[in-house]
């Protein structure tokens, strides 16, 4: 699940190194949030890919435990519920907070 996030971080880091070989403090402070956002988006892409691949091999209830269970963070819980429902072609399951 982390492969797209790590690959994106490495690619962005190499590109930024070529763009600015010796960045100053301001440049580092500006690009640090971009790397964090890229890592989060990469993890979402990896999790969606993992879900789409594993749904052929693992029962839906087992995947729901991993994809919908655990501590609930409001924004990401709703997003995970929507991704899970989309992958199975169903309406969005209700998430309780």
PDB file of N, CA and C in Angstrom:
ATOM      1  N   UNK A   1       0.808  -1.194   0.000  1.00  0.00           N
ATOM      2  CA  UNK A   1       0.000   0.000   0.000  1.00  0.00           C
ATOM      3  C   UNK A   1       0.855   1.263   0.000  1.00  0.00           C
ATOM      4  N   UNK A   2       2.095   1.146   0.450  1.00  0.00           N
ATOM      5  CA  UNK A   2       2.935   2.334   0.544  1.00  0.00           C
ATOM      6  C   UNK A   2       3.757   2.588  -0.719  1.00  0.00           C
ATOM      7  N   UNK A   3       3.734   1.661  -1.666  1.00  0.00           N
ATOM      8  CA  UNK A   3       4.584   1.785  -2.857  1.00  0.00           C
ATOM      9  C   UNK A   3       4.311   3.069  -3.636  1.00  0.00           C
ATOM     10  N   UNK A   4       3.056   3.428  -3.955  1.00  0.00           N
ATOM     11  CA  UNK A   4       2.850   4.688  -4.691  1.00  0.00           C
ATOM     12  C   UNK A   4       3.304   5.914  -3.895  1.00  0.00           C
ATOM     13  N   UNK A   5       3.120   5.889  -2.590  1.00  0.00           N
ATOM     14  CA  UNK A   5       3.528   7.030  -1.767  1.00  0.00           C
ATOM     15  C   UNK A   5       5.044   7.182  -1.750  1.00  0.00           C
ATOM     16  N   UNK A   6       5.741   6.073  -1.570  1.00  0.00           N
ATOM     17  CA  UNK A   6       7.204   6.126  -1.523  1.00  0.00           C
ATOM     18  C   UNK A   6       7.766   6.481  -2.898  1.00  0.00           C
ATOM     19  N   UNK A   7       7.221   5.871  -3.947  1.00  0.00           N
ATOM     20  CA  UNK A   7       7.697   6.177  -5.302  1.00  0.00           C
ATOM     21  C   UNK A   7       7.468   7.647  -5.650  1.00  0.00           C
ATOM     22  N   UNK A   8       6.310   8.178  -5.295  1.00  0.00           N
ATOM     23  CA  UNK A   8       6.039   9.592  -5.545  1.00  0.00           C
ATOM     24  C   UNK A   8       6.960  10.506  -4.752  1.00  0.00           C
ATOM     25  N   UNK A   9       7.234  10.134  -3.497  1.00  0.00           N
ATOM     26  CA  UNK A   9       8.148  10.932  -2.680  1.00  0.00           C
ATOM     27  C   UNK A   9       9.565  10.932  -3.228  1.00  0.00           C
ATOM     28  N   UNK A  10      10.017   9.765  -3.690  1.00  0.00           N
ATOM     29  CA  UNK A  10      11.366   9.681  -4.271  1.00  0.00           C
ATOM     30  C   UNK A  10      11.435  10.496  -5.563  1.00  0.00           C
ATOM     31  N   UNK A  11      10.416  10.366  -6.412  1.00  0.00           N
ATOM     32  CA  UNK A  11      10.412  11.108  -7.678  1.00  0.00           C
ATOM     33  C   UNK A  11      10.389  12.613  -7.432  1.00  0.00           C
ATOM     34  N   UNK A  12       9.541  13.065  -6.499  1.00  0.00           N
ATOM     35  CA  UNK A  12       9.482  14.496  -6.192  1.00  0.00           C
ATOM     36  C   UNK A  12      10.795  14.983  -5.596  1.00  0.00           C
ATOM     37  N   UNK A  13      11.388  14.174  -4.726  1.00  0.00           N
ATOM     38  CA  UNK A  13      12.668  14.550  -4.131  1.00  0.00           C
ATOM     39  C   UNK A  13      13.777  14.675  -5.155  1.00  0.00           C
ATOM     40  N   UNK A  14      13.832  13.732  -6.092  1.00  0.00           N
ATOM     41  CA  UNK A  14      14.866  13.818  -7.139  1.00  0.00           C
ATOM     42  C   UNK A  14      14.638  15.033  -8.036  1.00  0.00           C
ATOM     43  N   UNK A  15      13.373  15.295  -8.365  1.00  0.00           N
ATOM     44  CA  UNK A  15      13.076  16.436  -9.215  1.00  0.00           C
ATOM     45  C   UNK A  15      13.423  17.754  -8.505  1.00  0.00           C
ATOM     46  N   UNK A  16      13.075  17.836  -7.226  1.00  0.00           N
ATOM     47  CA  UNK A  16      13.381  19.061  -6.481  1.00  0.00           C
ATOM     48  C   UNK A  16      14.883  19.239  -6.294  1.00  0.00           C
ATOM     49  N   UNK A  17      15.622  18.133  -6.182  1.00  0.00           N
ATOM     50  CA  UNK A  17      17.076  18.223  -6.049  1.00  0.00           C
ATOM     51  C   UNK A  17      17.691  18.781  -7.334  1.00  0.00           C
ATOM     52  N   UNK A  18      17.145  18.387  -8.473  1.00  0.00           N
ATOM     53  CA  UNK A  18      17.649  18.938  -9.734  1.00  0.00           C
ATOM     54  C   UNK A  18      17.225  20.393  -9.902  1.00  0.00           C
ATOM     55  N   UNK A  19      16.044  20.723  -9.423  1.00  0.00           N
ATOM     56  CA  UNK A  19      15.536  22.085  -9.550  1.00  0.00           C
ATOM     57  C   UNK A  19      16.299  23.047  -8.645  1.00  0.00           C
ATOM     58  N   UNK A  20      16.507  22.634  -7.394  1.00  0.00           N
ATOM     59  CA  UNK A  20      17.219  23.452  -6.413  1.00  0.00           C
ATOM     60  C   UNK A  20      18.224  22.581  -5.667  1.00  0.00           C
ATOM     61  N   UNK A  21      19.486  22.563  -6.106  1.00  0.00           N
ATOM     62  CA  UNK A  21      20.469  21.702  -5.444  1.00  0.00           C
ATOM     63  C   UNK A  21      20.742  22.088  -3.978  1.00  0.00           C
ATOM     64  N   UNK A  22      20.677  23.372  -3.680  1.00  0.00           N
ATOM     65  CA  UNK A  22      20.940  23.833  -2.315  1.00  0.00           C
ATOM     66  C   UNK A  22      19.797  24.746  -1.859  1.00  0.00           C
ATOM     67  N   UNK A  23      18.657  24.151  -1.439  1.00  0.00           N
ATOM     68  CA  UNK A  23      17.507  24.990  -1.062  1.00  0.00           C
ATOM     69  C   UNK A  23      17.737  25.686   0.272  1.00  0.00           C
ATOM     70  N   UNK A  24      17.149  26.836   0.372  1.00  0.00           N
ATOM     71  CA  UNK A  24      17.204  27.580   1.623  1.00  0.00           C
ATOM     72  C   UNK A  24      16.054  27.174   2.536  1.00  0.00           C
ATOM     73  N   UNK A  25      15.978  27.821   3.657  1.00  0.00           N
ATOM     74  CA  UNK A  25      14.950  27.506   4.652  1.00  0.00           C
ATOM     75  C   UNK A  25      13.543  27.753   4.099  1.00  0.00           C
ATOM     76  N   UNK A  26      13.361  28.846   3.384  1.00  0.00           N
ATOM     77  CA  UNK A  26      12.049  29.173   2.830  1.00  0.00           C
ATOM     78  C   UNK A  26      11.601  28.098   1.830  1.00  0.00           C
ATOM     79  N   UNK A  27      12.495  27.655   0.988  1.00  0.00           N
ATOM     80  CA  UNK A  27      12.158  26.630   0.007  1.00  0.00           C
ATOM     81  C   UNK A  27      11.778  25.319   0.699  1.00  0.00           C
ATOM     82  N   UNK A  28      12.516  24.974   1.747  1.00  0.00           N
ATOM     83  CA  UNK A  28      12.201  23.745   2.485  1.00  0.00           C
ATOM     84  C   UNK A  28      10.837  23.843   3.152  1.00  0.00           C
ATOM     85  N   UNK A  29      10.522  25.000   3.718  1.00  0.00           N
ATOM     86  CA  UNK A  29       9.228  25.178   4.368  1.00  0.00           C
ATOM     87  C   UNK A  29       8.080  25.180   3.359  1.00  0.00           C
ATOM     88  N   UNK A  30       8.347  25.617   2.147  1.00  0.00           N
ATOM     89  CA  UNK A  30       7.294  25.623   1.127  1.00  0.00           C
ATOM     90  C   UNK A  30       7.034  24.233   0.559  1.00  0.00           C
ATOM     91  N   UNK A  31       8.075  23.433   0.383  1.00  0.00           N
ATOM     92  CA  UNK A  31       7.906  22.134  -0.256  1.00  0.00           C
ATOM     93  C   UNK A  31       7.607  21.005   0.723  1.00  0.00           C
ATOM     94  N   UNK A  32       7.798  21.208   2.011  1.00  0.00           N
ATOM     95  CA  UNK A  32       7.492  20.160   2.989  1.00  0.00           C
ATOM     96  C   UNK A  32       6.002  19.791   2.981  1.00  0.00           C
ATOM     97  N   UNK A  33       5.076  20.745   2.957  1.00  0.00           N
ATOM     98  CA  UNK A  33       3.659  20.357   2.879  1.00  0.00           C
ATOM     99  C   UNK A  33       3.314  19.620   1.583  1.00  0.00           C
ATOM    100  N   UNK A  34       3.976  19.966   0.483  1.00  0.00           N
ATOM    101  CA  UNK A  34       3.720  19.270  -0.783  1.00  0.00           C
ATOM    102  C   UNK A  34       4.122  17.804  -0.678  1.00  0.00           C
ATOM    103  N   UNK A  35       5.214  17.527  -0.011  1.00  0.00           N
ATOM    104  CA  UNK A  35       5.658  16.142   0.153  1.00  0.00           C
ATOM    105  C   UNK A  35       4.692  15.380   1.059  1.00  0.00           C
ATOM    106  N   UNK A  36       4.197  16.019   2.100  1.00  0.00           N
ATOM    107  CA  UNK A  36       3.231  15.360   2.988  1.00  0.00           C
ATOM    108  C   UNK A  36       1.934  15.054   2.238  1.00  0.00           C
ATOM    109  N   UNK A  37       1.433  16.007   1.460  1.00  0.00           N
ATOM    110  CA  UNK A  37       0.207  15.797   0.684  1.00  0.00           C
ATOM    111  C   UNK A  37       0.420  14.704  -0.359  1.00  0.00           C
ATOM    112  N   UNK A  38       1.569  14.704  -1.009  1.00  0.00           N
ATOM    113  CA  UNK A  38       1.872  13.659  -1.985  1.00  0.00           C
ATOM    114  C   UNK A  38       1.901  12.285  -1.333  1.00  0.00           C
ATOM    115  N   UNK A  39       2.453  12.199  -0.129  1.00  0.00           N
ATOM    116  CA  UNK A  39       2.510  10.922   0.580  1.00  0.00           C
ATOM    117  C   UNK A  39       1.101  10.438   0.947  1.00  0.00           C
ATOM    118  N   UNK A  40       0.242  11.331   1.399  1.00  0.00           N
ATOM    119  CA  UNK A  40      -1.129  10.956   1.747  1.00  0.00           C
ATOM    120  C   UNK A  40      -1.895  10.496   0.510  1.00  0.00           C
ATOM    121  N   UNK A  41      -1.783  11.223  -0.587  1.00  0.00           N
ATOM    122  CA  UNK A  41      -2.460  10.820  -1.819  1.00  0.00           C
ATOM    123  C   UNK A  41      -1.915   9.492  -2.341  1.00  0.00           C
ATOM    124  N   UNK A  42      -0.609   9.295  -2.223  1.00  0.00           N
ATOM    125  CA  UNK A  42      -0.019   8.026  -2.635  1.00  0.00           C
ATOM    126  C   UNK A  42      -0.522   6.862  -1.802  1.00  0.00           C
ATOM    127  N   UNK A  43      -0.715   7.078  -0.506  1.00  0.00           N
ATOM    128  CA  UNK A  43      -1.257   6.012   0.340  1.00  0.00           C
ATOM    129  C   UNK A  43      -2.704   5.708  -0.026  1.00  0.00           C
ATOM    130  N   UNK A  44      -3.496   6.725  -0.353  1.00  0.00           N
ATOM    131  CA  UNK A  44      -4.877   6.483  -0.785  1.00  0.00           C
ATOM    132  C   UNK A  44      -4.925   5.712  -2.097  1.00  0.00           C
ATOM    133  N   UNK A  45      -4.049   6.053  -3.025  1.00  0.00           N
ATOM    134  CA  UNK A  45      -3.983   5.321  -4.292  1.00  0.00           C
ATOM    135  C   UNK A  45      -3.568   3.877  -4.041  1.00  0.00           C
ATOM    136  N   UNK A  46      -2.584   3.685  -3.174  1.00  0.00           N
ATOM    137  CA  UNK A  46      -2.140   2.332  -2.850  1.00  0.00           C
ATOM    138  C   UNK A  46      -3.217   1.515  -2.156  1.00  0.00           C
ATOM    139  N   UNK A  47      -3.948   2.133  -1.251  1.00  0.00           N
ATOM    140  CA  UNK A  47      -5.019   1.417  -0.546  1.00  0.00           C
ATOM    141  C   UNK A  47      -6.150   1.047  -1.493  1.00  0.00           C
ATOM    142  N   UNK A  48      -6.488   1.941  -2.416  1.00  0.00           N
ATOM    143  CA  UNK A  48      -7.536   1.642  -3.390  1.00  0.00           C
ATOM    144  C   UNK A  48      -7.106   0.509  -4.321  1.00  0.00           C
ATOM    145  N   UNK A  49      -5.861   0.544  -4.759  1.00  0.00           N
ATOM    146  CA  UNK A  49      -5.340  -0.527  -5.620  1.00  0.00           C
ATOM    147  C   UNK A  49      -5.338  -1.850  -4.876  1.00  0.00           C
ATOM    148  N   UNK A  50      -4.905  -1.826  -3.625  1.00  0.00           N
ATOM    149  CA  UNK A  50      -4.877  -3.041  -2.810  1.00  0.00           C
ATOM    150  C   UNK A  50      -6.284  -3.608  -2.648  1.00  0.00           C
ATOM    151  N   UNK A  51      -7.258  -2.739  -2.395  1.00  0.00           N
ATOM    152  CA  UNK A  51      -8.641  -3.189  -2.236  1.00  0.00           C
ATOM    153  C   UNK A  51      -9.170  -3.808  -3.521  1.00  0.00           C
ATOM    154  N   UNK A  52      -8.905  -3.167  -4.656  1.00  0.00           N
ATOM    155  CA  UNK A  52      -9.387  -3.688  -5.927  1.00  0.00           C
ATOM    156  C   UNK A  52      -8.749  -5.033  -6.274  1.00  0.00           C
ATOM    157  N   UNK A  53      -7.490  -5.224  -5.899  1.00  0.00           N
ATOM    158  CA  UNK A  53      -6.835  -6.507  -6.159  1.00  0.00           C
ATOM    159  C   UNK A  53      -7.281  -7.594  -5.191  1.00  0.00           C
ATOM    160  N   UNK A  54      -7.422  -7.259  -3.933  1.00  0.00           N
ATOM    161  CA  UNK A  54      -7.730  -8.266  -2.914  1.00  0.00           C
ATOM    162  C   UNK A  54      -9.191  -8.685  -2.892  1.00  0.00           C
ATOM    163  N   UNK A  55     -10.093  -7.876  -3.451  1.00  0.00           N
ATOM    164  CA  UNK A  55     -11.510  -8.242  -3.387  1.00  0.00           C
ATOM    165  C   UNK A  55     -11.806  -9.508  -4.184  1.00  0.00           C
ATOM    166  N   UNK A  56     -10.911  -9.897  -5.094  1.00  0.00           N
ATOM    167  CA  UNK A  56     -11.088 -11.144  -5.839  1.00  0.00           C
ATOM    168  C   UNK A  56     -10.706 -12.365  -5.011  1.00  0.00           C
ATOM    169  N   UNK A  57      -9.857 -12.187  -4.003  1.00  0.00           N
ATOM    170  CA  UNK A  57      -9.316 -13.314  -3.250  1.00  0.00           C
ATOM    171  C   UNK A  57      -9.840 -13.427  -1.827  1.00  0.00           C
ATOM    172  N   UNK A  58     -10.312 -12.322  -1.263  1.00  0.00           N
ATOM    173  CA  UNK A  58     -10.708 -12.280   0.146  1.00  0.00           C
ATOM    174  C   UNK A  58     -12.182 -11.914   0.235  1.00  0.00           C
ATOM    175  N   UNK A  59     -12.874 -12.490   1.212  1.00  0.00           N
ATOM    176  CA  UNK A  59     -14.300 -12.227   1.407  1.00  0.00           C
ATOM    177  C   UNK A  59     -14.519 -10.767   1.794  1.00  0.00           C
ATOM    178  N   UNK A  60     -15.668 -10.232   1.412  1.00  0.00           N
ATOM    179  CA  UNK A  60     -15.982  -8.815   1.630  1.00  0.00           C
ATOM    180  C   UNK A  60     -15.964  -8.437   3.107  1.00  0.00           C
ATOM    181  N   UNK A  61     -16.450  -9.316   3.984  1.00  0.00           N
ATOM    182  CA  UNK A  61     -16.471  -8.991   5.414  1.00  0.00           C
ATOM    183  C   UNK A  61     -15.064  -8.858   5.985  1.00  0.00           C
ATOM    184  N   UNK A  62     -14.153  -9.688   5.496  1.00  0.00           N
ATOM    185  CA  UNK A  62     -12.765  -9.604   5.963  1.00  0.00           C
ATOM    186  C   UNK A  62     -12.129  -8.297   5.513  1.00  0.00           C
ATOM    187  N   UNK A  63     -12.359  -7.922   4.265  1.00  0.00           N
ATOM    188  CA  UNK A  63     -11.823  -6.650   3.777  1.00  0.00           C
ATOM    189  C   UNK A  63     -12.454  -5.464   4.498  1.00  0.00           C
ATOM    190  N   UNK A  64     -13.725  -5.567   4.833  1.00  0.00           N
ATOM    191  CA  UNK A  64     -14.395  -4.479   5.550  1.00  0.00           C
ATOM    192  C   UNK A  64     -13.762  -4.265   6.920  1.00  0.00           C
ATOM    193  N   UNK A  65     -13.302  -5.355   7.541  1.00  0.00           N
ATOM    194  CA  UNK A  65     -12.644  -5.229   8.847  1.00  0.00           C
ATOM    195  C   UNK A  65     -11.392  -4.376   8.740  1.00  0.00           C
ATOM    196  N   UNK A  66     -10.608  -4.605   7.692  1.00  0.00           N
ATOM    197  CA  UNK A  66      -9.367  -3.846   7.528  1.00  0.00           C
ATOM    198  C   UNK A  66      -9.606  -2.454   6.968  1.00  0.00           C
ATOM    199  N   UNK A  67     -10.560  -2.313   6.049  1.00  0.00           N
ATOM    200  CA  UNK A  67     -10.743  -1.051   5.358  1.00  0.00           C
ATOM    201  C   UNK A  67     -11.665  -0.092   6.099  1.00  0.00           C
ATOM    202  N   UNK A  68     -12.622  -0.625   6.848  1.00  0.00           N
ATOM    203  CA  UNK A  68     -13.585   0.236   7.538  1.00  0.00           C
ATOM    204  C   UNK A  68     -13.431   0.209   9.040  1.00  0.00           C
ATOM    205  N   UNK A  69     -12.665  -0.738   9.575  1.00  0.00           N
ATOM    206  CA  UNK A  69     -12.512  -0.870  11.024  1.00  0.00           C
ATOM    207  C   UNK A  69     -11.438   0.052  11.569  1.00  0.00           C
ATOM    208  N   UNK A  70     -11.211  -0.053  12.838  1.00  0.00           N
ATOM    209  CA  UNK A  70     -10.159   0.734  13.473  1.00  0.00           C
ATOM    210  C   UNK A  70     -10.651   2.081  13.938  1.00  0.00           C
ATOM    211  N   UNK A  71      -9.722   2.915  14.414  1.00  0.00           N
ATOM    212  CA  UNK A  71     -10.115   4.246  14.889  1.00  0.00           C
ATOM    213  C   UNK A  71     -10.676   5.074  13.741  1.00  0.00           C
ATOM    214  N   UNK A  72     -11.686   5.842  14.043  1.00  0.00           N
ATOM    215  CA  UNK A  72     -12.395   6.589  13.009  1.00  0.00           C
ATOM    216  C   UNK A  72     -11.934   8.040  12.977  1.00  0.00           C
ATOM    217  N   UNK A  73     -11.392   8.451  11.855  1.00  0.00           N
ATOM    218  CA  UNK A  73     -11.030   9.836  11.606  1.00  0.00           C
ATOM    219  C   UNK A  73     -12.077  10.366  10.628  1.00  0.00           C
ATOM    220  N   UNK A  74     -12.828  11.395  10.974  1.00  0.00           N
ATOM    221  CA  UNK A  74     -14.000  11.779  10.182  1.00  0.00           C
ATOM    222  C   UNK A  74     -13.774  11.913   8.678  1.00  0.00           C
ATOM    223  N   UNK A  75     -12.778  12.647   8.237  1.00  0.00           N
ATOM    224  CA  UNK A  75     -12.589  12.867   6.803  1.00  0.00           C
ATOM    225  C   UNK A  75     -12.187  11.576   6.105  1.00  0.00           C
ATOM    226  N   UNK A  76     -11.189  10.888   6.642  1.00  0.00           N
ATOM    227  CA  UNK A  76     -10.686   9.687   5.986  1.00  0.00           C
ATOM    228  C   UNK A  76     -11.623   8.502   6.165  1.00  0.00           C
ATOM    229  N   UNK A  77     -12.393   8.467   7.236  1.00  0.00           N
ATOM    230  CA  UNK A  77     -13.356   7.386   7.415  1.00  0.00           C
ATOM    231  C   UNK A  77     -14.441   7.451   6.350  1.00  0.00           C
ATOM    232  N   UNK A  78     -14.943   8.639   6.087  1.00  0.00           N
ATOM    233  CA  UNK A  78     -15.954   8.796   5.043  1.00  0.00           C
ATOM    234  C   UNK A  78     -15.366   8.476   3.670  1.00  0.00           C
ATOM    235  N   UNK A  79     -14.139   8.903   3.438  1.00  0.00           N
ATOM    236  CA  UNK A  79     -13.487   8.623   2.168  1.00  0.00           C
ATOM    237  C   UNK A  79     -13.270   7.123   1.983  1.00  0.00           C
ATOM    238  N   UNK A  80     -12.817   6.430   3.028  1.00  0.00           N
ATOM    239  CA  UNK A  80     -12.623   4.984   2.954  1.00  0.00           C
ATOM    240  C   UNK A  80     -13.955   4.266   2.737  1.00  0.00           C
ATOM    241  N   UNK A  81     -15.003   4.734   3.369  1.00  0.00           N
ATOM    242  CA  UNK A  81     -16.325   4.134   3.170  1.00  0.00           C
ATOM    243  C   UNK A  81     -16.788   4.295   1.725  1.00  0.00           C
ATOM    244  N   UNK A  82     -16.545   5.464   1.155  1.00  0.00           N
ATOM    245  CA  UNK A  82     -16.928   5.701  -0.234  1.00  0.00           C
ATOM    246  C   UNK A  82     -16.107   4.849  -1.195  1.00  0.00           C
ATOM    247  N   UNK A  83     -14.811   4.717  -0.933  1.00  0.00           N
ATOM    248  CA  UNK A  83     -13.958   3.893  -1.790  1.00  0.00           C
ATOM    249  C   UNK A  83     -14.381   2.433  -1.696  1.00  0.00           C
ATOM    250  N   UNK A  84     -14.683   1.968  -0.490  1.00  0.00           N
ATOM    251  CA  UNK A  84     -15.114   0.582  -0.298  1.00  0.00           C
ATOM    252  C   UNK A  84     -16.432   0.322  -1.016  1.00  0.00           C
ATOM    253  N   UNK A  85     -17.381   1.238  -0.885  1.00  0.00           N
ATOM    254  CA  UNK A  85     -18.674   1.085  -1.555  1.00  0.00           C
ATOM    255  C   UNK A  85     -18.511   1.151  -3.069  1.00  0.00           C
ATOM    256  N   UNK A  86     -17.655   2.034  -3.562  1.00  0.00           N
ATOM    257  CA  UNK A  86     -17.410   2.145  -4.995  1.00  0.00           C
ATOM    258  C   UNK A  86     -16.807   0.862  -5.561  1.00  0.00           C
ATOM    259  N   UNK A  87     -15.888   0.268  -4.814  1.00  0.00           N
ATOM    260  CA  UNK A  87     -15.225  -0.930  -5.324  1.00  0.00           C
ATOM    261  C   UNK A  87     -16.182  -2.120  -5.417  1.00  0.00           C
ATOM    262  N   UNK A  88     -17.211  -2.139  -4.583  1.00  0.00           N
ATOM    263  CA  UNK A  88     -18.186  -3.221  -4.637  1.00  0.00           C
ATOM    264  C   UNK A  88     -19.457  -2.814  -5.375  1.00  0.00           C
ATOM    265  N   UNK A  89     -19.519  -1.590  -5.880  1.00  0.00           N
ATOM    266  CA  UNK A  89     -20.666  -1.146  -6.648  1.00  0.00           C
ATOM    267  C   UNK A  89     -21.942  -1.017  -5.839  1.00  0.00           C
ATOM    268  N   UNK A  90     -21.813  -0.650  -4.577  1.00  0.00           N
ATOM    269  CA  UNK A  90     -22.970  -0.503  -3.705  1.00  0.00           C
ATOM    270  C   UNK A  90     -23.116   0.941  -3.262  1.00  0.00           C
ATOM    271  N   UNK A  91     -24.242   1.209  -2.612  1.00  0.00           N
ATOM    272  CA  UNK A  91     -24.400   2.512  -2.001  1.00  0.00           C
ATOM    273  C   UNK A  91     -23.446   2.614  -0.822  1.00  0.00           C
ATOM    274  N   UNK A  92     -23.148   3.837  -0.425  1.00  0.00           N
ATOM    275  CA  UNK A  92     -22.207   4.074   0.643  1.00  0.00           C
ATOM    276  C   UNK A  92     -22.714   3.501   1.950  1.00  0.00           C
ATOM    277  N   UNK A  93     -21.909   2.656   2.645  1.00  0.00           N
ATOM    278  CA  UNK A  93     -22.341   2.171   3.953  1.00  0.00           C
ATOM    279  C   UNK A  93     -22.308   3.297   4.981  1.00  0.00           C
ATOM    280  N   UNK A  94     -23.184   3.191   5.945  1.00  0.00           N
ATOM    281  CA  UNK A  94     -23.242   4.209   6.993  1.00  0.00           C
ATOM    282  C   UNK A  94     -22.049   4.037   7.931  1.00  0.00           C
ATOM    283  N   UNK A  95     -21.413   5.141   8.271  1.00  0.00           N
ATOM    284  CA  UNK A  95     -20.337   5.131   9.247  1.00  0.00           C
ATOM    285  C   UNK A  95     -20.812   5.900  10.460  1.00  0.00           C
ATOM    286  N   UNK A  96     -20.622   5.312  11.596  1.00  0.00           N
ATOM    287  CA  UNK A  96     -21.028   5.964  12.837  1.00  0.00           C
ATOM    288  C   UNK A  96     -19.797   6.469  13.548  1.00  0.00           C
ATOM    289  N   UNK A  97     -19.915   7.675  14.048  1.00  0.00           N
ATOM    290  CA  UNK A  97     -18.787   8.278  14.756  1.00  0.00           C
ATOM    291  C   UNK A  97     -19.099   8.308  16.224  1.00  0.00           C
TER     292      UNK A  97
END
